[in-house]
């Protein structure tokens, strides 16, 4: 994963759902996630989810099941303000889904710590 990752989300449809794969072998595993708004006058509704499923591993074993996405307790679906969360335990990927956007854009930010 390039570090940090910034994803600008400009609409509320299926296209703004973006996943950022993380390096679960980092030790210690530390990842910070933030969602910020492009304008102080805009409104947006979003949620952040994480998965412990490794897509590459599932592909390698021939699995066809979908990844199991779990809602982040700090940034659940319906969040309406800029906020941050972090993961002190390994997760394979995180994603942000914007369900409503009045104007401007939302920036999904992910940075992973640990050894390089």
PDB file of N, CA and C in Angstrom:
ATOM      1  N   UNK A   1       0.852  -1.170   0.000  1.00  0.00           N
ATOM      2  CA  UNK A   1       0.000   0.000   0.000  1.00  0.00           C
ATOM      3  C   UNK A   1       0.895   1.230   0.000  1.00  0.00           C
ATOM      4  N   UNK A   2       0.606   2.156  -0.906  1.00  0.00           N
ATOM      5  CA  UNK A   2       1.260   3.450  -0.833  1.00  0.00           C
ATOM      6  C   UNK A   2       0.786   4.154   0.425  1.00  0.00           C
ATOM      7  N   UNK A   3       1.623   4.958   1.014  1.00  0.00           N
ATOM      8  CA  UNK A   3       1.272   5.516   2.311  1.00  0.00           C
ATOM      9  C   UNK A   3       1.547   7.006   2.329  1.00  0.00           C
ATOM     10  N   UNK A   4       0.654   7.872   2.620  1.00  0.00           N
ATOM     11  CA  UNK A   4      -0.774   7.633   2.893  1.00  0.00           C
ATOM     12  C   UNK A   4      -1.570   7.514   1.597  1.00  0.00           C
ATOM     13  N   UNK A   5      -2.831   7.125   1.731  1.00  0.00           N
ATOM     14  CA  UNK A   5      -3.754   7.022   0.601  1.00  0.00           C
ATOM     15  C   UNK A   5      -4.846   8.058   0.796  1.00  0.00           C
ATOM     16  N   UNK A   6      -5.140   8.818  -0.257  1.00  0.00           N
ATOM     17  CA  UNK A   6      -6.229   9.794  -0.247  1.00  0.00           C
ATOM     18  C   UNK A   6      -7.162   9.467  -1.399  1.00  0.00           C
ATOM     19  N   UNK A   7      -8.431   9.268  -1.115  1.00  0.00           N
ATOM     20  CA  UNK A   7      -9.420   8.988  -2.156  1.00  0.00           C
ATOM     21  C   UNK A   7     -10.491  10.058  -2.084  1.00  0.00           C
ATOM     22  N   UNK A   8     -10.643  10.815  -3.177  1.00  0.00           N
ATOM     23  CA  UNK A   8     -11.710  11.825  -3.257  1.00  0.00           C
ATOM     24  C   UNK A   8     -12.970  11.166  -3.791  1.00  0.00           C
ATOM     25  N   UNK A   9     -14.060  11.360  -3.081  1.00  0.00           N
ATOM     26  CA  UNK A   9     -15.349  10.782  -3.468  1.00  0.00           C
ATOM     27  C   UNK A   9     -16.272  11.939  -3.806  1.00  0.00           C
ATOM     28  N   UNK A  10     -16.779  11.953  -5.040  1.00  0.00           N
ATOM     29  CA  UNK A  10     -17.535  13.100  -5.529  1.00  0.00           C
ATOM     30  C   UNK A  10     -19.010  12.825  -5.781  1.00  0.00           C
ATOM     31  N   UNK A  11     -19.464  11.598  -5.547  1.00  0.00           N
ATOM     32  CA  UNK A  11     -20.888  11.311  -5.743  1.00  0.00           C
ATOM     33  C   UNK A  11     -21.317  10.208  -4.784  1.00  0.00           C
ATOM     34  N   UNK A  12     -22.598  10.106  -4.600  1.00  0.00           N
ATOM     35  CA  UNK A  12     -23.132   9.076  -3.705  1.00  0.00           C
ATOM     36  C   UNK A  12     -23.836   8.020  -4.535  1.00  0.00           C
ATOM     37  N   UNK A  13     -23.071   7.089  -5.014  1.00  0.00           N
ATOM     38  CA  UNK A  13     -23.598   5.953  -5.758  1.00  0.00           C
ATOM     39  C   UNK A  13     -22.706   4.768  -5.455  1.00  0.00           C
ATOM     40  N   UNK A  14     -22.848   3.697  -6.201  1.00  0.00           N
ATOM     41  CA  UNK A  14     -22.008   2.538  -5.925  1.00  0.00           C
ATOM     42  C   UNK A  14     -20.553   2.817  -6.268  1.00  0.00           C
ATOM     43  N   UNK A  15     -20.284   3.763  -7.143  1.00  0.00           N
ATOM     44  CA  UNK A  15     -18.898   4.027  -7.540  1.00  0.00           C
ATOM     45  C   UNK A  15     -18.026   4.606  -6.436  1.00  0.00           C
ATOM     46  N   UNK A  16     -18.556   5.352  -5.445  1.00  0.00           N
ATOM     47  CA  UNK A  16     -17.624   5.877  -4.454  1.00  0.00           C
ATOM     48  C   UNK A  16     -17.179   4.879  -3.395  1.00  0.00           C
ATOM     49  N   UNK A  17     -17.659   3.651  -3.474  1.00  0.00           N
ATOM     50  CA  UNK A  17     -17.195   2.661  -2.510  1.00  0.00           C
ATOM     51  C   UNK A  17     -15.808   2.227  -2.944  1.00  0.00           C
ATOM     52  N   UNK A  18     -14.814   2.580  -2.170  1.00  0.00           N
ATOM     53  CA  UNK A  18     -13.430   2.286  -2.498  1.00  0.00           C
ATOM     54  C   UNK A  18     -12.804   1.500  -1.359  1.00  0.00           C
ATOM     55  N   UNK A  19     -12.068   0.454  -1.709  1.00  0.00           N
ATOM     56  CA  UNK A  19     -11.369  -0.330  -0.700  1.00  0.00           C
ATOM     57  C   UNK A  19      -9.880  -0.016  -0.763  1.00  0.00           C
ATOM     58  N   UNK A  20      -9.262   0.075   0.396  1.00  0.00           N
ATOM     59  CA  UNK A  20      -7.825   0.262   0.508  1.00  0.00           C
ATOM     60  C   UNK A  20      -7.277  -0.987   1.192  1.00  0.00           C
ATOM     61  N   UNK A  21      -6.455  -1.745   0.458  1.00  0.00           N
ATOM     62  CA  UNK A  21      -5.841  -2.946   1.017  1.00  0.00           C
ATOM     63  C   UNK A  21      -4.709  -2.543   1.953  1.00  0.00           C
ATOM     64  N   UNK A  22      -4.585  -3.270   3.054  1.00  0.00           N
ATOM     65  CA  UNK A  22      -3.576  -2.974   4.067  1.00  0.00           C
ATOM     66  C   UNK A  22      -2.591  -4.125   4.194  1.00  0.00           C
ATOM     67  N   UNK A  23      -1.428  -3.851   4.752  1.00  0.00           N
ATOM     68  CA  UNK A  23      -0.393  -4.855   4.952  1.00  0.00           C
ATOM     69  C   UNK A  23      -0.555  -5.450   6.344  1.00  0.00           C
ATOM     70  N   UNK A  24      -1.139  -6.645   6.416  1.00  0.00           N
ATOM     71  CA  UNK A  24      -1.405  -7.266   7.713  1.00  0.00           C
ATOM     72  C   UNK A  24      -0.144  -7.818   8.364  1.00  0.00           C
ATOM     73  N   UNK A  25       0.981  -7.846   7.630  1.00  0.00           N
ATOM     74  CA  UNK A  25       2.219  -8.350   8.214  1.00  0.00           C
ATOM     75  C   UNK A  25       2.990  -7.272   8.970  1.00  0.00           C
ATOM     76  N   UNK A  26       2.509  -6.022   8.930  1.00  0.00           N
ATOM     77  CA  UNK A  26       3.168  -4.942   9.680  1.00  0.00           C
ATOM     78  C   UNK A  26       3.119  -5.253  11.171  1.00  0.00           C
ATOM     79  N   UNK A  27       4.226  -5.017  11.844  1.00  0.00           N
ATOM     80  CA  UNK A  27       4.267  -5.251  13.290  1.00  0.00           C
ATOM     81  C   UNK A  27       5.016  -4.109  13.964  1.00  0.00           C
ATOM     82  N   UNK A  28       4.366  -3.378  14.816  1.00  0.00           N
ATOM     83  CA  UNK A  28       2.960  -3.538  15.195  1.00  0.00           C
ATOM     84  C   UNK A  28       2.037  -3.037  14.089  1.00  0.00           C
ATOM     85  N   UNK A  29       0.811  -3.519  14.099  1.00  0.00           N
ATOM     86  CA  UNK A  29      -0.174  -3.095  13.113  1.00  0.00           C
ATOM     87  C   UNK A  29      -0.886  -1.862  13.649  1.00  0.00           C
ATOM     88  N   UNK A  30      -0.769  -0.759  12.938  1.00  0.00           N
ATOM     89  CA  UNK A  30      -1.443   0.494  13.311  1.00  0.00           C
ATOM     90  C   UNK A  30      -1.931   1.156  12.028  1.00  0.00           C
ATOM     91  N   UNK A  31      -3.201   1.442  11.962  1.00  0.00           N
ATOM     92  CA  UNK A  31      -3.748   2.134  10.795  1.00  0.00           C
ATOM     93  C   UNK A  31      -4.719   3.203  11.269  1.00  0.00           C
ATOM     94  N   UNK A  32      -4.544   4.406  10.731  1.00  0.00           N
ATOM     95  CA  UNK A  32      -5.467   5.509  11.019  1.00  0.00           C
ATOM     96  C   UNK A  32      -6.300   5.787   9.785  1.00  0.00           C
ATOM     97  N   UNK A  33      -7.574   6.080  10.001  1.00  0.00           N
ATOM     98  CA  UNK A  33      -8.516   6.357   8.925  1.00  0.00           C
ATOM     99  C   UNK A  33      -9.225   7.669   9.254  1.00  0.00           C
ATOM    100  N   UNK A  34      -9.358   8.521   8.264  1.00  0.00           N
ATOM    101  CA  UNK A  34     -10.077   9.773   8.451  1.00  0.00           C
ATOM    102  C   UNK A  34     -10.988  10.055   7.281  1.00  0.00           C
ATOM    103  N   UNK A  35     -12.052  10.755   7.537  1.00  0.00           N
ATOM    104  CA  UNK A  35     -12.954  11.221   6.486  1.00  0.00           C
ATOM    105  C   UNK A  35     -13.136  12.713   6.718  1.00  0.00           C
ATOM    106  N   UNK A  36     -12.778  13.503   5.717  1.00  0.00           N
ATOM    107  CA  UNK A  36     -12.903  14.961   5.808  1.00  0.00           C
ATOM    108  C   UNK A  36     -13.732  15.459   4.638  1.00  0.00           C
ATOM    109  N   UNK A  37     -14.311  16.642   4.808  1.00  0.00           N
ATOM    110  CA  UNK A  37     -15.169  17.220   3.784  1.00  0.00           C
ATOM    111  C   UNK A  37     -14.418  18.295   3.017  1.00  0.00           C
ATOM    112  N   UNK A  38     -14.720  18.432   1.727  1.00  0.00           N
ATOM    113  CA  UNK A  38     -14.051  19.397   0.865  1.00  0.00           C
ATOM    114  C   UNK A  38     -14.494  20.826   1.075  1.00  0.00           C
ATOM    115  N   UNK A  39     -15.576  21.031   1.803  1.00  0.00           N
ATOM    116  CA  UNK A  39     -16.098  22.380   2.045  1.00  0.00           C
ATOM    117  C   UNK A  39     -16.736  22.418   3.426  1.00  0.00           C
ATOM    118  N   UNK A  40     -16.622  23.543   4.103  1.00  0.00           N
ATOM    119  CA  UNK A  40     -17.235  23.671   5.427  1.00  0.00           C
ATOM    120  C   UNK A  40     -18.745  23.826   5.358  1.00  0.00           C
ATOM    121  N   UNK A  41     -19.279  24.147   4.173  1.00  0.00           N
ATOM    122  CA  UNK A  41     -20.721  24.356   4.057  1.00  0.00           C
ATOM    123  C   UNK A  41     -21.455  23.142   3.490  1.00  0.00           C
ATOM    124  N   UNK A  42     -20.761  22.089   3.161  1.00  0.00           N
ATOM    125  CA  UNK A  42     -21.407  20.919   2.559  1.00  0.00           C
ATOM    126  C   UNK A  42     -21.955  19.975   3.622  1.00  0.00           C
ATOM    127  N   UNK A  43     -22.803  19.063   3.187  1.00  0.00           N
ATOM    128  CA  UNK A  43     -23.271  17.978   4.038  1.00  0.00           C
ATOM    129  C   UNK A  43     -23.017  16.661   3.319  1.00  0.00           C
ATOM    130  N   UNK A  44     -22.744  15.638   4.097  1.00  0.00           N
ATOM    131  CA  UNK A  44     -22.517  14.307   3.543  1.00  0.00           C
ATOM    132  C   UNK A  44     -22.870  13.271   4.591  1.00  0.00           C
ATOM    133  N   UNK A  45     -23.248  12.099   4.128  1.00  0.00           N
ATOM    134  CA  UNK A  45     -23.527  10.960   4.989  1.00  0.00           C
ATOM    135  C   UNK A  45     -22.703   9.794   4.464  1.00  0.00           C
ATOM    136  N   UNK A  46     -22.012   9.101   5.358  1.00  0.00           N
ATOM    137  CA  UNK A  46     -21.121   8.034   4.930  1.00  0.00           C
ATOM    138  C   UNK A  46     -20.970   6.996   6.028  1.00  0.00           C
ATOM    139  N   UNK A  47     -20.260   5.948   5.711  1.00  0.00           N
ATOM    140  CA  UNK A  47     -19.886   4.932   6.689  1.00  0.00           C
ATOM    141  C   UNK A  47     -18.569   4.304   6.286  1.00  0.00           C
ATOM    142  N   UNK A  48     -17.816   3.828   7.265  1.00  0.00           N
ATOM    143  CA  UNK A  48     -16.552   3.140   7.023  1.00  0.00           C
ATOM    144  C   UNK A  48     -16.717   1.693   7.475  1.00  0.00           C
ATOM    145  N   UNK A  49     -16.165   0.791   6.677  1.00  0.00           N
ATOM    146  CA  UNK A  49     -16.216  -0.631   6.984  1.00  0.00           C
ATOM    147  C   UNK A  49     -14.818  -1.223   6.857  1.00  0.00           C
ATOM    148  N   UNK A  50     -14.602  -2.365   7.519  1.00  0.00           N
ATOM    149  CA  UNK A  50     -13.338  -3.083   7.387  1.00  0.00           C
ATOM    150  C   UNK A  50     -13.622  -4.554   7.137  1.00  0.00           C
ATOM    151  N   UNK A  51     -12.619  -5.249   6.587  1.00  0.00           N
ATOM    152  CA  UNK A  51     -12.724  -6.691   6.393  1.00  0.00           C
ATOM    153  C   UNK A  51     -11.457  -7.353   6.889  1.00  0.00           C
ATOM    154  N   UNK A  52     -11.605  -8.558   7.403  1.00  0.00           N
ATOM    155  CA  UNK A  52     -10.455  -9.354   7.787  1.00  0.00           C
ATOM    156  C   UNK A  52     -10.141 -10.383   6.711  1.00  0.00           C
ATOM    157  N   UNK A  53     -10.927 -10.378   5.639  1.00  0.00           N
ATOM    158  CA  UNK A  53     -10.714 -11.299   4.529  1.00  0.00           C
ATOM    159  C   UNK A  53      -9.624 -10.781   3.606  1.00  0.00           C
ATOM    160  N   UNK A  54      -8.678 -11.637   3.265  1.00  0.00           N
ATOM    161  CA  UNK A  54      -7.603 -11.310   2.335  1.00  0.00           C
ATOM    162  C   UNK A  54      -8.045 -11.731   0.931  1.00  0.00           C
ATOM    163  N   UNK A  55      -8.332 -10.759   0.078  1.00  0.00           N
ATOM    164  CA  UNK A  55      -8.847 -11.040  -1.267  1.00  0.00           C
ATOM    165  C   UNK A  55      -7.877 -11.906  -2.071  1.00  0.00           C
ATOM    166  N   UNK A  56      -6.592 -11.626  -1.986  1.00  0.00           N
ATOM    167  CA  UNK A  56      -5.599 -12.404  -2.733  1.00  0.00           C
ATOM    168  C   UNK A  56      -5.606 -13.866  -2.291  1.00  0.00           C
ATOM    169  N   UNK A  57      -5.648 -14.100  -0.984  1.00  0.00           N
ATOM    170  CA  UNK A  57      -5.705 -15.469  -0.476  1.00  0.00           C
ATOM    171  C   UNK A  57      -6.968 -16.176  -0.961  1.00  0.00           C
ATOM    172  N   UNK A  58      -8.111 -15.505  -0.863  1.00  0.00           N
ATOM    173  CA  UNK A  58      -9.359 -16.123  -1.315  1.00  0.00           C
ATOM    174  C   UNK A  58      -9.288 -16.468  -2.801  1.00  0.00           C
ATOM    175  N   UNK A  59      -8.710 -15.573  -3.610  1.00  0.00           N
ATOM    176  CA  UNK A  59      -8.545 -15.856  -5.045  1.00  0.00           C
ATOM    177  C   UNK A  59      -7.631 -17.060  -5.255  1.00  0.00           C
ATOM    178  N   UNK A  60      -6.536 -17.126  -4.503  1.00  0.00           N
ATOM    179  CA  UNK A  60      -5.568 -18.217  -4.660  1.00  0.00           C
ATOM    180  C   UNK A  60      -6.156 -19.578  -4.326  1.00  0.00           C
ATOM    181  N   UNK A  61      -7.082 -19.644  -3.400  1.00  0.00           N
ATOM    182  CA  UNK A  61      -7.684 -20.937  -3.046  1.00  0.00           C
ATOM    183  C   UNK A  61      -8.942 -21.215  -3.872  1.00  0.00           C
ATOM    184  N   UNK A  62      -9.266 -20.313  -4.794  1.00  0.00           N
ATOM    185  CA  UNK A  62     -10.413 -20.528  -5.679  1.00  0.00           C
ATOM    186  C   UNK A  62     -11.751 -20.195  -5.058  1.00  0.00           C
ATOM    187  N   UNK A  63     -11.758 -19.441  -3.976  1.00  0.00           N
ATOM    188  CA  UNK A  63     -13.011 -19.083  -3.323  1.00  0.00           C
ATOM    189  C   UNK A  63     -13.765 -18.052  -4.154  1.00  0.00           C
ATOM    190  N   UNK A  64     -15.068 -18.202  -4.217  1.00  0.00           N
ATOM    191  CA  UNK A  64     -15.906 -17.236  -4.940  1.00  0.00           C
ATOM    192  C   UNK A  64     -16.784 -16.417  -3.988  1.00  0.00           C
ATOM    193  N   UNK A  65     -16.604 -16.598  -2.706  1.00  0.00           N
ATOM    194  CA  UNK A  65     -17.453 -15.863  -1.771  1.00  0.00           C
ATOM    195  C   UNK A  65     -17.033 -14.397  -1.697  1.00  0.00           C
ATOM    196  N   UNK A  66     -17.992 -13.572  -1.412  1.00  0.00           N
ATOM    197  CA  UNK A  66     -17.743 -12.138  -1.278  1.00  0.00           C
ATOM    198  C   UNK A  66     -17.035 -11.856   0.045  1.00  0.00           C
ATOM    199  N   UNK A  67     -16.279 -10.772   0.072  1.00  0.00           N
ATOM    200  CA  UNK A  67     -15.637 -10.361   1.317  1.00  0.00           C
ATOM    201  C   UNK A  67     -16.697 -10.031   2.360  1.00  0.00           C
ATOM    202  N   UNK A  68     -16.407 -10.328   3.611  1.00  0.00           N
ATOM    203  CA  UNK A  68     -17.317 -10.000   4.709  1.00  0.00           C
ATOM    204  C   UNK A  68     -16.903  -8.640   5.269  1.00  0.00           C
ATOM    205  N   UNK A  69     -17.704  -7.603   4.992  1.00  0.00           N
ATOM    206  CA  UNK A  69     -17.419  -6.241   5.457  1.00  0.00           C
ATOM    207  C   UNK A  69     -18.142  -6.005   6.764  1.00  0.00           C
ATOM    208  N   UNK A  70     -17.421  -5.456   7.740  1.00  0.00           N
ATOM    209  CA  UNK A  70     -17.969  -5.183   9.065  1.00  0.00           C
ATOM    210  C   UNK A  70     -17.981  -3.677   9.296  1.00  0.00           C
ATOM    211  N   UNK A  71     -19.055  -3.146   9.890  1.00  0.00           N
ATOM    212  CA  UNK A  71     -19.121  -1.699  10.109  1.00  0.00           C
ATOM    213  C   UNK A  71     -18.162  -1.252  11.203  1.00  0.00           C
ATOM    214  N   UNK A  72     -17.504  -0.144  10.978  1.00  0.00           N
ATOM    215  CA  UNK A  72     -16.650   0.442  12.004  1.00  0.00           C
ATOM    216  C   UNK A  72     -17.558   1.059  13.064  1.00  0.00           C
ATOM    217  N   UNK A  73     -17.360   0.693  14.313  1.00  0.00           N
ATOM    218  CA  UNK A  73     -18.217   1.192  15.392  1.00  0.00           C
ATOM    219  C   UNK A  73     -18.093   2.698  15.587  1.00  0.00           C
ATOM    220  N   UNK A  74     -16.943   3.279  15.234  1.00  0.00           N
ATOM    221  CA  UNK A  74     -16.734   4.716  15.403  1.00  0.00           C
ATOM    222  C   UNK A  74     -17.259   5.545  14.224  1.00  0.00           C
ATOM    223  N   UNK A  75     -17.336   4.942  13.041  1.00  0.00           N
ATOM    224  CA  UNK A  75     -17.806   5.649  11.838  1.00  0.00           C
ATOM    225  C   UNK A  75     -18.834   4.786  11.099  1.00  0.00           C
ATOM    226  N   UNK A  76     -19.961   4.485  11.730  1.00  0.00           N
ATOM    227  CA  UNK A  76     -20.955   3.612  11.101  1.00  0.00           C
ATOM    228  C   UNK A  76     -21.705   4.330   9.978  1.00  0.00           C
ATOM    229  N   UNK A  77     -22.422   3.574   9.180  1.00  0.00           N
ATOM    230  CA  UNK A  77     -23.287   4.156   8.166  1.00  0.00           C
ATOM    231  C   UNK A  77     -24.201   5.175   8.829  1.00  0.00           C
ATOM    232  N   UNK A  78     -24.302   6.350   8.211  1.00  0.00           N
ATOM    233  CA  UNK A  78     -25.118   7.418   8.778  1.00  0.00           C
ATOM    234  C   UNK A  78     -24.296   8.513   9.433  1.00  0.00           C
ATOM    235  N   UNK A  79     -22.961   8.371   9.457  1.00  0.00           N
ATOM    236  CA  UNK A  79     -22.104   9.412  10.022  1.00  0.00           C
ATOM    237  C   UNK A  79     -22.205  10.664   9.156  1.00  0.00           C
ATOM    238  N   UNK A  80     -22.303  11.830   9.793  1.00  0.00           N
ATOM    239  CA  UNK A  80     -22.529  13.074   9.042  1.00  0.00           C
ATOM    240  C   UNK A  80     -21.492  14.159   9.301  1.00  0.00           C
ATOM    241  N   UNK A  81     -20.427  13.843  10.022  1.00  0.00           N
ATOM    242  CA  UNK A  81     -19.394  14.857  10.262  1.00  0.00           C
ATOM    243  C   UNK A  81     -18.023  14.242  10.011  1.00  0.00           C
ATOM    244  N   UNK A  82     -17.051  15.101   9.758  1.00  0.00           N
ATOM    245  CA  UNK A  82     -15.685  14.637   9.572  1.00  0.00           C
ATOM    246  C   UNK A  82     -15.225  13.942  10.851  1.00  0.00           C
ATOM    247  N   UNK A  83     -14.477  12.851  10.701  1.00  0.00           N
ATOM    248  CA  UNK A  83     -14.082  12.090  11.880  1.00  0.00           C
ATOM    249  C   UNK A  83     -12.920  11.158  11.558  1.00  0.00           C
ATOM    250  N   UNK A  84     -12.352  10.572  12.620  1.00  0.00           N
ATOM    251  CA  UNK A  84     -11.261   9.615  12.469  1.00  0.00           C
ATOM    252  C   UNK A  84     -11.543   8.365  13.283  1.00  0.00           C
ATOM    253  N   UNK A  85     -10.832   7.312  12.924  1.00  0.00           N
ATOM    254  CA  UNK A  85     -10.844   6.077  13.693  1.00  0.00           C
ATOM    255  C   UNK A  85      -9.478   5.431  13.500  1.00  0.00           C
ATOM    256  N   UNK A  86      -9.205   4.364  14.238  1.00  0.00           N
ATOM    257  CA  UNK A  86      -7.939   3.660  14.023  1.00  0.00           C
ATOM    258  C   UNK A  86      -8.112   2.184  14.319  1.00  0.00           C
ATOM    259  N   UNK A  87      -7.171   1.413  13.798  1.00  0.00           N
ATOM    260  CA  UNK A  87      -7.173  -0.039  13.976  1.00  0.00           C
ATOM    261  C   UNK A  87      -5.842  -0.437  14.593  1.00  0.00           C
ATOM    262  N   UNK A  88      -5.903  -1.034  15.763  1.00  0.00           N
ATOM    263  CA  UNK A  88      -4.710  -1.512  16.465  1.00  0.00           C
ATOM    264  C   UNK A  88      -4.611  -3.030  16.324  1.00  0.00           C
ATOM    265  N   UNK A  89      -5.478  -3.598  15.491  1.00  0.00           N
ATOM    266  CA  UNK A  89      -5.482  -5.028  15.209  1.00  0.00           C
ATOM    267  C   UNK A  89      -5.490  -5.182  13.694  1.00  0.00           C
ATOM    268  N   UNK A  90      -4.889  -6.258  13.164  1.00  0.00           N
ATOM    269  CA  UNK A  90      -4.809  -6.395  11.706  1.00  0.00           C
ATOM    270  C   UNK A  90      -6.182  -6.492  11.041  1.00  0.00           C
ATOM    271  N   UNK A  91      -6.355  -5.684  10.011  1.00  0.00           N
ATOM    272  CA  UNK A  91      -7.496  -5.799   9.114  1.00  0.00           C
ATOM    273  C   UNK A  91      -6.930  -5.796   7.699  1.00  0.00           C
ATOM    274  N   UNK A  92      -7.580  -6.519   6.797  1.00  0.00           N
ATOM    275  CA  UNK A  92      -7.062  -6.673   5.437  1.00  0.00           C
ATOM    276  C   UNK A  92      -7.348  -5.463   4.556  1.00  0.00           C
ATOM    277  N   UNK A  93      -8.481  -4.798   4.785  1.00  0.00           N
ATOM    278  CA  UNK A  93      -8.850  -3.650   3.951  1.00  0.00           C
ATOM    279  C   UNK A  93      -9.876  -2.798   4.673  1.00  0.00           C
ATOM    280  N   UNK A  94      -9.960  -1.538   4.282  1.00  0.00           N
ATOM    281  CA  UNK A  94     -10.981  -0.613   4.774  1.00  0.00           C
ATOM    282  C   UNK A  94     -11.622   0.055   3.564  1.00  0.00           C
ATOM    283  N   UNK A  95     -12.862   0.500   3.735  1.00  0.00           N
ATOM    284  CA  UNK A  95     -13.536   1.214   2.653  1.00  0.00           C
ATOM    285  C   UNK A  95     -14.494   2.244   3.228  1.00  0.00           C
ATOM    286  N   UNK A  96     -14.819   3.237   2.395  1.00  0.00           N
ATOM    287  CA  UNK A  96     -15.763   4.289   2.760  1.00  0.00           C
ATOM    288  C   UNK A  96     -16.866   4.309   1.723  1.00  0.00           C
ATOM    289  N   UNK A  97     -18.106   4.328   2.183  1.00  0.00           N
ATOM    290  CA  UNK A  97     -19.239   4.418   1.282  1.00  0.00           C
ATOM    291  C   UNK A  97     -20.029   5.680   1.616  1.00  0.00           C
ATOM    292  N   UNK A  98     -20.125   6.569   0.644  1.00  0.00           N
ATOM    293  CA  UNK A  98     -20.891   7.800   0.807  1.00  0.00           C
ATOM    294  C   UNK A  98     -22.308   7.534   0.305  1.00  0.00           C
ATOM    295  N   UNK A  99     -23.293   7.791   1.161  1.00  0.00           N
ATOM    296  CA  UNK A  99     -24.682   7.545   0.786  1.00  0.00           C
ATOM    297  C   UNK A  99     -25.439   8.822   0.434  1.00  0.00           C
ATOM    298  N   UNK A 100     -24.905   9.980   0.822  1.00  0.00           N
ATOM    299  CA  UNK A 100     -25.523  11.263   0.460  1.00  0.00           C
ATOM    300  C   UNK A 100     -24.427  12.315   0.421  1.00  0.00           C
ATOM    301  N   UNK A 101     -24.510  13.200  -0.572  1.00  0.00           N
ATOM    302  CA  UNK A 101     -23.499  14.237  -0.741  1.00  0.00           C
ATOM    303  C   UNK A 101     -24.166  15.451  -1.350  1.00  0.00           C
ATOM    304  N   UNK A 102     -24.111  16.591  -0.648  1.00  0.00           N
ATOM    305  CA  UNK A 102     -24.822  17.783  -1.115  1.00  0.00           C
ATOM    306  C   UNK A 102     -24.038  18.565  -2.154  1.00  0.00           C
ATOM    307  N   UNK A 103     -22.731  18.608  -2.003  1.00  0.00           N
ATOM    308  CA  UNK A 103     -21.882  19.342  -2.933  1.00  0.00           C
ATOM    309  C   UNK A 103     -20.445  19.017  -2.599  1.00  0.00           C
ATOM    310  N   UNK A 104     -19.506  19.531  -3.345  1.00  0.00           N
ATOM    311  CA  UNK A 104     -18.096  19.374  -3.077  1.00  0.00           C
ATOM    312  C   UNK A 104     -17.694  17.895  -3.109  1.00  0.00           C
ATOM    313  N   UNK A 105     -16.911  17.429  -2.137  1.00  0.00           N
ATOM    314  CA  UNK A 105     -16.407  16.066  -2.138  1.00  0.00           C
ATOM    315  C   UNK A 105     -16.016  15.657  -0.722  1.00  0.00           C
ATOM    316  N   UNK A 106     -15.850  14.365  -0.553  1.00  0.00           N
ATOM    317  CA  UNK A 106     -15.384  13.775   0.690  1.00  0.00           C
ATOM    318  C   UNK A 106     -14.016  13.166   0.403  1.00  0.00           C
ATOM    319  N   UNK A 107     -13.082  13.315   1.334  1.00  0.00           N
ATOM    320  CA  UNK A 107     -11.768  12.679   1.180  1.00  0.00           C
ATOM    321  C   UNK A 107     -11.637  11.573   2.228  1.00  0.00           C
ATOM    322  N   UNK A 108     -11.400  10.362   1.738  1.00  0.00           N
ATOM    323  CA  UNK A 108     -11.156   9.184   2.580  1.00  0.00           C
ATOM    324  C   UNK A 108      -9.639   9.055   2.704  1.00  0.00           C
ATOM    325  N   UNK A 109      -9.130   9.137   3.932  1.00  0.00           N
ATOM    326  CA  UNK A 109      -7.689   9.130   4.178  1.00  0.00           C
ATOM    327  C   UNK A 109      -7.302   7.890   4.979  1.00  0.00           C
ATOM    328  N   UNK A 110      -6.243   7.212   4.543  1.00  0.00           N
ATOM    329  CA  UNK A 110      -5.770   6.026   5.240  1.00  0.00           C
ATOM    330  C   UNK A 110      -4.252   6.095   5.330  1.00  0.00           C
ATOM    331  N   UNK A 111      -3.720   5.900   6.531  1.00  0.00           N
ATOM    332  CA  UNK A 111      -2.269   5.838   6.709  1.00  0.00           C
ATOM    333  C   UNK A 111      -1.946   4.694   7.649  1.00  0.00           C
ATOM    334  N   UNK A 112      -0.939   3.889   7.263  1.00  0.00           N
ATOM    335  CA  UNK A 112      -0.577   2.728   8.044  1.00  0.00           C
ATOM    336  C   UNK A 112       0.805   2.910   8.639  1.00  0.00           C
ATOM    337  N   UNK A 113       0.941   2.616   9.933  1.00  0.00           N
ATOM    338  CA  UNK A 113       2.229   2.711  10.604  1.00  0.00           C
ATOM    339  C   UNK A 113       2.923   1.374  10.619  1.00  0.00           C
ATOM    340  N   UNK A 114       3.807   1.186  11.568  1.00  0.00           N
ATOM    341  CA  UNK A 114       4.574  -0.048  11.658  1.00  0.00           C
ATOM    342  C   UNK A 114       5.916   0.107  10.992  1.00  0.00           C
ATOM    343  N   UNK A 115       6.655  -0.944  10.934  1.00  0.00           N
ATOM    344  CA  UNK A 115       7.978  -0.918  10.299  1.00  0.00           C
ATOM    345  C   UNK A 115       7.846  -0.834   8.802  1.00  0.00           C
ATOM    346  N   UNK A 116       8.783  -0.174   8.177  1.00  0.00           N
ATOM    347  CA  UNK A 116       8.825  -0.069   6.709  1.00  0.00           C
ATOM    348  C   UNK A 116       9.483  -1.276   6.121  1.00  0.00           C
TER     349      UNK A 116
END
